[in-house]
Amino acid sequence: MSDPSSDRPAQRGPAHEALGVFLGDWRAEGRSYGEGAPRAKPATWKSTHTGRWHTGQFFLIQDERAVTGTAPFDTLSIIGWDAERSCYFARTFENHGFQRCYDVTVDGRVWTFSGATERARIVFSDDGATQTITWEWRPEEGWLPLCDRIATKVR
């Protein structure tokens, strides 16, 4: 479907192709942190997530199933390229009823997700088979660690 404000259909390009780094099945392990002093109450993080193209390969869908400590934490994300603004974006929806919007930037192998109250830095290994993921959140006193994990591509 074309943009209603334009008579030209959307064109897939290198910005869309770059999203392919998230494709595949991944397993992650790490730590999730509670409130209080940074990294004061770590809980084990274990998750699987799958990245796949939405029909047309303009948007990437990532479905994550995690357990932090003993609690489920599931997130569905849509990541894409906004041609009008010339930038990446992500929308996430999670099982606790929250949805988030992130502006996403890329610098080499580093993808940065920036939101109003959370931000993440995802560093891909040279071979693209590992993601080092660091999330932070911002209470009133400034940015604090939220979770750290390593994801390994399994397929």
Protein backbone atom coordinates (compact mmCIF):
# COMPACT_ATOMS: atom_id res chain seq x y z
CA MET A 1 0.00 0.00 0.00
CA SER A 2 1.37 3.40 -0.86
CA ASP A 3 1.55 6.45 1.36
CA PRO A 4 -1.82 8.24 0.95
CA SER A 5 -0.02 11.60 0.70
CA SER A 6 2.08 10.35 -2.21
CA ASP A 7 1.34 8.63 -5.48
CA ARG A 8 4.56 6.60 -5.21
CA PRO A 9 4.66 3.22 -3.45
CA ALA A 10 7.15 2.79 -0.62
CA GLN A 11 10.58 1.69 -1.78
CA ARG A 12 12.58 -0.87 0.17
CA GLY A 13 16.23 0.11 0.51
CA PRO A 14 19.45 -0.30 2.49
CA ALA A 15 17.89 1.10 5.68
CA HIS A 16 15.32 -1.69 5.62
CA GLU A 17 17.94 -4.31 4.78
CA ALA A 18 20.00 -3.25 7.83
CA LEU A 19 17.15 -4.43 10.09
CA GLY A 20 18.06 -7.96 9.03
CA VAL A 21 20.68 -8.08 11.78
CA PHE A 22 17.80 -8.85 14.19
CA LEU A 23 16.49 -11.83 12.16
CA GLY A 24 16.54 -15.34 13.56
CA ASP A 25 16.05 -17.21 16.79
CA TRP A 26 18.00 -16.02 19.83
CA ARG A 27 18.55 -17.16 23.43
CA ALA A 28 19.60 -14.69 26.10
CA GLU A 29 20.80 -14.84 29.68
CA GLY A 30 21.69 -12.08 32.09
CA ARG A 31 20.44 -10.05 35.02
CA SER A 32 17.45 -7.80 35.67
CA TYR A 33 17.73 -5.22 38.44
CA GLY A 34 15.18 -4.00 40.96
CA GLU A 35 14.65 -0.57 42.39
CA GLY A 36 17.16 1.01 44.75
CA ALA A 37 20.93 1.19 44.44
CA PRO A 38 22.24 0.31 40.97
CA ARG A 39 22.42 -3.45 40.47
CA ALA A 40 21.37 -3.99 44.13
CA LYS A 41 18.72 -6.69 43.64
CA PRO A 42 19.71 -8.76 40.61
CA ALA A 43 17.33 -11.41 39.32
CA THR A 44 18.19 -13.99 36.69
CA TRP A 45 17.06 -13.15 33.15
CA LYS A 46 16.42 -15.92 30.62
CA SER A 47 14.69 -15.36 27.33
CA THR A 48 14.16 -16.44 23.77
CA HIS A 49 13.29 -14.06 21.00
CA THR A 50 12.60 -14.38 17.32
CA GLY A 51 13.07 -11.70 14.69
CA ARG A 52 11.16 -12.06 11.42
CA TRP A 53 10.11 -9.86 8.56
CA HIS A 54 6.56 -8.63 8.33
CA THR A 55 5.08 -9.22 4.86
CA GLY A 56 6.87 -6.92 2.39
CA GLN A 57 10.07 -6.79 4.45
CA PHE A 58 9.62 -3.14 5.44
CA PHE A 59 9.19 -3.89 9.17
CA LEU A 60 10.81 -6.38 11.49
CA ILE A 61 8.75 -8.11 14.17
CA GLN A 62 10.51 -9.32 17.30
CA ASP A 63 8.68 -11.56 19.74
CA GLU A 64 10.41 -12.11 23.08
CA ARG A 65 9.50 -14.50 25.89
CA ALA A 66 11.47 -13.84 29.08
CA VAL A 67 11.49 -14.87 32.71
CA THR A 68 13.01 -12.48 35.24
CA GLY A 69 13.48 -14.35 38.50
CA THR A 70 10.21 -16.30 38.33
CA ALA A 71 8.04 -13.68 36.61
CA PRO A 72 7.14 -13.71 32.90
CA PHE A 73 8.11 -10.69 30.83
CA ASP A 74 6.97 -10.92 27.22
CA THR A 75 7.48 -8.20 24.63
CA LEU A 76 6.31 -7.81 21.03
CA SER A 77 8.25 -5.20 19.06
CA ILE A 78 7.93 -3.66 15.62
CA ILE A 79 11.11 -2.04 14.31
CA GLY A 80 11.18 -0.04 11.12
CA TRP A 81 12.53 2.80 9.03
CA ASP A 82 10.61 6.08 8.82
CA ALA A 83 11.50 7.45 5.39
CA GLU A 84 9.83 10.82 6.02
CA ARG A 85 11.95 11.47 9.13
CA SER A 86 14.99 9.50 7.86
CA CYS A 87 15.27 7.53 11.09
CA TYR A 88 14.57 4.16 12.65
CA PHE A 89 11.85 3.62 15.25
CA ALA A 90 10.59 0.85 17.51
CA ARG A 91 7.21 0.26 19.11
CA THR A 92 7.00 -2.30 21.90
CA PHE A 93 4.05 -3.91 23.63
CA GLU A 94 4.50 -6.00 26.75
CA ASN A 95 2.49 -8.39 28.86
CA HIS A 96 2.14 -5.95 31.78
CA GLY A 97 0.07 -3.62 29.60
CA PHE A 98 2.77 -1.08 28.75
CA GLN A 99 3.65 0.15 25.28
CA ARG A 100 6.75 2.18 24.48
CA CYS A 101 8.01 4.26 21.56
CA TYR A 102 11.72 4.49 20.83
CA ASP A 103 13.84 6.45 18.40
CA VAL A 104 16.55 4.14 17.14
CA THR A 105 20.00 5.10 15.88
CA VAL A 106 22.72 2.94 14.35
CA ASP A 107 26.46 3.45 14.53
CA GLY A 108 28.26 0.51 12.95
CA ARG A 109 27.34 -2.57 14.99
CA VAL A 110 25.70 -0.52 17.79
CA TRP A 111 21.93 0.03 17.81
CA THR A 112 20.63 2.53 20.40
CA PHE A 113 16.96 2.66 21.41
CA SER A 114 16.02 5.95 23.11
CA GLY A 115 12.70 6.43 24.88
CA ALA A 116 11.26 8.84 27.41
CA THR A 117 11.95 6.61 30.42
CA GLU A 118 14.07 3.73 29.05
CA ARG A 119 16.97 3.31 26.70
CA ALA A 120 18.98 0.39 25.37
CA ARG A 121 22.30 -0.24 23.69
CA ILE A 122 22.60 -3.39 21.57
CA VAL A 123 26.06 -4.27 20.27
CA PHE A 124 26.30 -6.99 17.63
CA SER A 125 29.44 -9.10 17.38
CA ASP A 126 31.50 -8.97 14.19
CA ASP A 127 29.91 -12.20 12.95
CA GLY A 128 26.37 -11.04 13.93
CA ALA A 129 25.81 -14.12 16.12
CA THR A 130 25.86 -12.34 19.51
CA GLN A 131 24.04 -9.33 20.94
CA THR A 132 25.30 -7.60 24.07
CA ILE A 133 22.21 -5.83 25.41
CA THR A 134 22.16 -3.14 28.11
CA TRP A 135 18.92 -1.46 29.20
CA GLU A 136 18.61 1.52 31.54
CA TRP A 137 15.62 3.31 33.04
CA ARG A 138 15.22 6.84 34.29
CA PRO A 139 13.58 7.50 37.62
CA GLU A 140 13.79 11.06 38.96
CA GLU A 141 17.44 10.75 40.03
CA GLY A 142 18.79 9.91 36.54
CA TRP A 143 19.61 6.85 34.44
CA LEU A 144 20.02 3.53 36.30
CA PRO A 145 20.70 -0.05 35.14
CA LEU A 146 17.55 -2.01 34.23
CA CYS A 147 18.99 -5.24 32.78
CA ASP A 148 22.08 -6.64 31.09
CA ARG A 149 22.10 -9.74 28.93
CA ILE A 150 23.89 -11.58 26.17
CA ALA A 151 21.84 -13.06 23.33
CA THR A 152 23.23 -15.78 21.11
CA LYS A 153 21.75 -16.66 17.72
CA VAL A 154 20.60 -20.27 17.63
CA ARG A 155 19.12 -20.27 14.12
